[in-house]
Amino acid sequence: MLGFPCNQFGAQEPGTDAEILEFATRQYQVNFPLFSKLEVNGDGASPLYVWLRKAAPEADGGEALTWNFTKFLVGRDGTVIKRYSPKVTPAAIGAELAAYF
């Protein structure tokens, strides 16, 4: 798992990268890499998220992320396998991994 903080959803990630890492580690016991804060929607969207959104749009065809914690499952070969809503937990995704790997 990899984390990419973004402040585009209710200004929930206003801090510096170091502050976000400290908070996520203390509050949620995050033990996976957190990268620098980036944008996921709009003109300033990171190329990573432009690619992820196009490769795995919503069921209605929409690409924009609607809230933090949207998740993408990417195969070892770089293929985007699936997009998960923010409400889907990592534990639920973990249960599906055997089907893909």
C-alpha atoms as a PDB file:
ATOM      1  CA  MET A   1       0.000   0.000   0.000  1.00  0.00           C
ATOM      2  CA  LEU A   2       1.111   3.544  -0.774  1.00  0.00           C
ATOM      3  CA  GLY A   3      -0.428   6.812   0.425  1.00  0.00           C
ATOM      4  CA  PHE A   4      -0.657  10.112  -1.435  1.00  0.00           C
ATOM      5  CA  PRO A   5      -1.994  12.952   0.749  1.00  0.00           C
ATOM      6  CA  CYS A   6      -4.222  15.510  -0.959  1.00  0.00           C
ATOM      7  CA  ASN A   7      -5.770  18.694   0.397  1.00  0.00           C
ATOM      8  CA  GLN A   8      -8.531  18.965  -2.235  1.00  0.00           C
ATOM      9  CA  PHE A   9     -11.239  17.368  -0.073  1.00  0.00           C
ATOM     10  CA  GLY A  10     -12.481  19.628   2.695  1.00  0.00           C
ATOM     11  CA  ALA A  11      -8.952  20.932   3.366  1.00  0.00           C
ATOM     12  CA  GLN A  12      -8.244  17.832   5.469  1.00  0.00           C
ATOM     13  CA  GLU A  13      -4.505  17.736   4.724  1.00  0.00           C
ATOM     14  CA  PRO A  14      -3.336  21.341   5.208  1.00  0.00           C
ATOM     15  CA  GLY A  15      -0.003  20.533   6.831  1.00  0.00           C
ATOM     16  CA  THR A  16       3.465  19.943   5.508  1.00  0.00           C
ATOM     17  CA  ASP A  17       4.530  16.474   4.398  1.00  0.00           C
ATOM     18  CA  ALA A  18       6.286  15.971   7.756  1.00  0.00           C
ATOM     19  CA  GLU A  19       3.200  17.070   9.711  1.00  0.00           C
ATOM     20  CA  ILE A  20       0.941  14.769   7.700  1.00  0.00           C
ATOM     21  CA  LEU A  21       3.277  11.814   8.240  1.00  0.00           C
ATOM     22  CA  GLU A  22       3.474  12.477  11.987  1.00  0.00           C
ATOM     23  CA  PHE A  23      -0.318  12.773  12.291  1.00  0.00           C
ATOM     24  CA  ALA A  24      -1.056   9.672  10.187  1.00  0.00           C
ATOM     25  CA  THR A  25       1.483   7.614  12.114  1.00  0.00           C
ATOM     26  CA  ARG A  26       0.276   8.783  15.533  1.00  0.00           C
ATOM     27  CA  GLN A  27      -3.466   8.810  14.844  1.00  0.00           C
ATOM     28  CA  TYR A  28      -3.853   5.849  12.468  1.00  0.00           C
ATOM     29  CA  GLN A  29      -0.664   3.820  12.951  1.00  0.00           C
ATOM     30  CA  VAL A  30       0.111   4.170   9.230  1.00  0.00           C
ATOM     31  CA  ASN A  31       2.962   1.817   8.398  1.00  0.00           C
ATOM     32  CA  PHE A  32       3.145   2.228   4.623  1.00  0.00           C
ATOM     33  CA  PRO A  33       4.976   4.870   2.585  1.00  0.00           C
ATOM     34  CA  LEU A  34       3.363   8.304   2.415  1.00  0.00           C
ATOM     35  CA  PHE A  35       4.473  10.439  -0.496  1.00  0.00           C
ATOM     36  CA  SER A  36       4.429  14.218  -0.854  1.00  0.00           C
ATOM     37  CA  LYS A  37       1.074  15.936  -0.964  1.00  0.00           C
ATOM     38  CA  LEU A  38      -0.346  16.259  -4.457  1.00  0.00           C
ATOM     39  CA  GLU A  39      -3.511  17.120  -6.361  1.00  0.00           C
ATOM     40  CA  VAL A  40      -5.695  14.363  -7.772  1.00  0.00           C
ATOM     41  CA  ASN A  41      -8.307  16.407  -9.700  1.00  0.00           C
ATOM     42  CA  GLY A  42      -8.276  19.480 -11.895  1.00  0.00           C
ATOM     43  CA  ASP A  43      -5.634  21.200 -13.979  1.00  0.00           C
ATOM     44  CA  GLY A  44      -2.933  20.611 -11.355  1.00  0.00           C
ATOM     45  CA  ALA A  45      -3.590  16.884 -11.012  1.00  0.00           C
ATOM     46  CA  SER A  46      -0.547  14.685 -10.688  1.00  0.00           C
ATOM     47  CA  PRO A  47       0.163  12.662 -13.845  1.00  0.00           C
ATOM     48  CA  LEU A  48      -0.144   9.542 -11.679  1.00  0.00           C
ATOM     49  CA  TYR A  49      -3.749  10.376 -10.843  1.00  0.00           C
ATOM     50  CA  VAL A  50      -4.602  11.466 -14.377  1.00  0.00           C
ATOM     51  CA  TRP A  51      -3.477   7.978 -15.462  1.00  0.00           C
ATOM     52  CA  LEU A  52      -5.248   6.143 -12.611  1.00  0.00           C
ATOM     53  CA  ARG A  53      -8.523   8.002 -13.189  1.00  0.00           C
ATOM     54  CA  LYS A  54      -8.513   7.287 -16.934  1.00  0.00           C
ATOM     55  CA  ALA A  55      -7.571   3.631 -16.453  1.00  0.00           C
ATOM     56  CA  ALA A  56     -10.297   2.998 -13.868  1.00  0.00           C
ATOM     57  CA  PRO A  57     -13.188   5.456 -14.094  1.00  0.00           C
ATOM     58  CA  GLU A  58     -16.289   5.273 -11.904  1.00  0.00           C
ATOM     59  CA  ALA A  59     -19.123   2.973 -12.991  1.00  0.00           C
ATOM     60  CA  ASP A  60     -20.886   5.996 -14.509  1.00  0.00           C
ATOM     61  CA  GLY A  61     -17.777   6.864 -16.549  1.00  0.00           C
ATOM     62  CA  GLY A  62     -16.741   9.784 -14.347  1.00  0.00           C
ATOM     63  CA  GLU A  63     -13.044  10.056 -13.655  1.00  0.00           C
ATOM     64  CA  ALA A  64     -12.776  12.620 -10.850  1.00  0.00           C
ATOM     65  CA  LEU A  65     -12.143  11.407  -7.324  1.00  0.00           C
ATOM     66  CA  THR A  66     -15.044  12.393  -5.116  1.00  0.00           C
ATOM     67  CA  TRP A  67     -13.367  12.046  -1.728  1.00  0.00           C
ATOM     68  CA  ASN A  68     -10.161  11.100   0.069  1.00  0.00           C
ATOM     69  CA  PHE A  69      -9.333   7.444   0.447  1.00  0.00           C
ATOM     70  CA  THR A  70     -10.299   6.381  -3.065  1.00  0.00           C
ATOM     71  CA  LYS A  71      -8.119   3.352  -3.684  1.00  0.00           C
ATOM     72  CA  PHE A  72      -6.680   1.754  -6.812  1.00  0.00           C
ATOM     73  CA  LEU A  73      -5.384  -1.782  -7.161  1.00  0.00           C
ATOM     74  CA  VAL A  74      -2.438  -1.868  -9.549  1.00  0.00           C
ATOM     75  CA  GLY A  75      -0.897  -5.131 -10.714  1.00  0.00           C
ATOM     76  CA  ARG A  76       2.782  -5.909 -10.571  1.00  0.00           C
ATOM     77  CA  ASP A  77       2.949  -5.232 -14.311  1.00  0.00           C
ATOM     78  CA  GLY A  78       1.525  -1.732 -13.828  1.00  0.00           C
ATOM     79  CA  THR A  79      -1.979  -2.544 -15.047  1.00  0.00           C
ATOM     80  CA  VAL A  80      -4.731  -0.762 -13.140  1.00  0.00           C
ATOM     81  CA  ILE A  81      -6.993  -3.606 -12.032  1.00  0.00           C
ATOM     82  CA  LYS A  82      -9.723  -1.911 -10.041  1.00  0.00           C
ATOM     83  CA  ARG A  83     -10.883   1.307  -8.403  1.00  0.00           C
ATOM     84  CA  TYR A  84     -12.430   1.223  -4.924  1.00  0.00           C
ATOM     85  CA  SER A  85     -14.722   3.784  -3.320  1.00  0.00           C
ATOM     86  CA  PRO A  86     -13.456   5.673  -0.279  1.00  0.00           C
ATOM     87  CA  LYS A  87     -15.752   3.563   1.925  1.00  0.00           C
ATOM     88  CA  VAL A  88     -14.035   0.275   1.022  1.00  0.00           C
ATOM     89  CA  THR A  89     -11.507  -0.640   3.700  1.00  0.00           C
ATOM     90  CA  PRO A  90      -8.000  -1.950   3.041  1.00  0.00           C
ATOM     91  CA  ALA A  91      -9.059  -5.140   4.869  1.00  0.00           C
ATOM     92  CA  ALA A  92     -11.857  -5.703   2.348  1.00  0.00           C
ATOM     93  CA  ILE A  93      -9.429  -5.179  -0.513  1.00  0.00           C
ATOM     94  CA  GLY A  94      -6.973  -7.574   1.113  1.00  0.00           C
ATOM     95  CA  ALA A  95      -9.599 -10.293   0.973  1.00  0.00           C
ATOM     96  CA  GLU A  96      -9.804  -9.830  -2.809  1.00  0.00           C
ATOM     97  CA  LEU A  97      -6.065  -9.868  -3.495  1.00  0.00           C
ATOM     98  CA  ALA A  98      -5.797 -13.642  -3.848  1.00  0.00           C
ATOM     99  CA  ALA A  99      -7.991 -13.428  -6.939  1.00  0.00           C
ATOM    100  CA  TYR A 100      -5.500 -11.128  -8.651  1.00  0.00           C
ATOM    101  CA  PHE A 101      -2.107 -12.430  -7.586  1.00  0.00           C
END
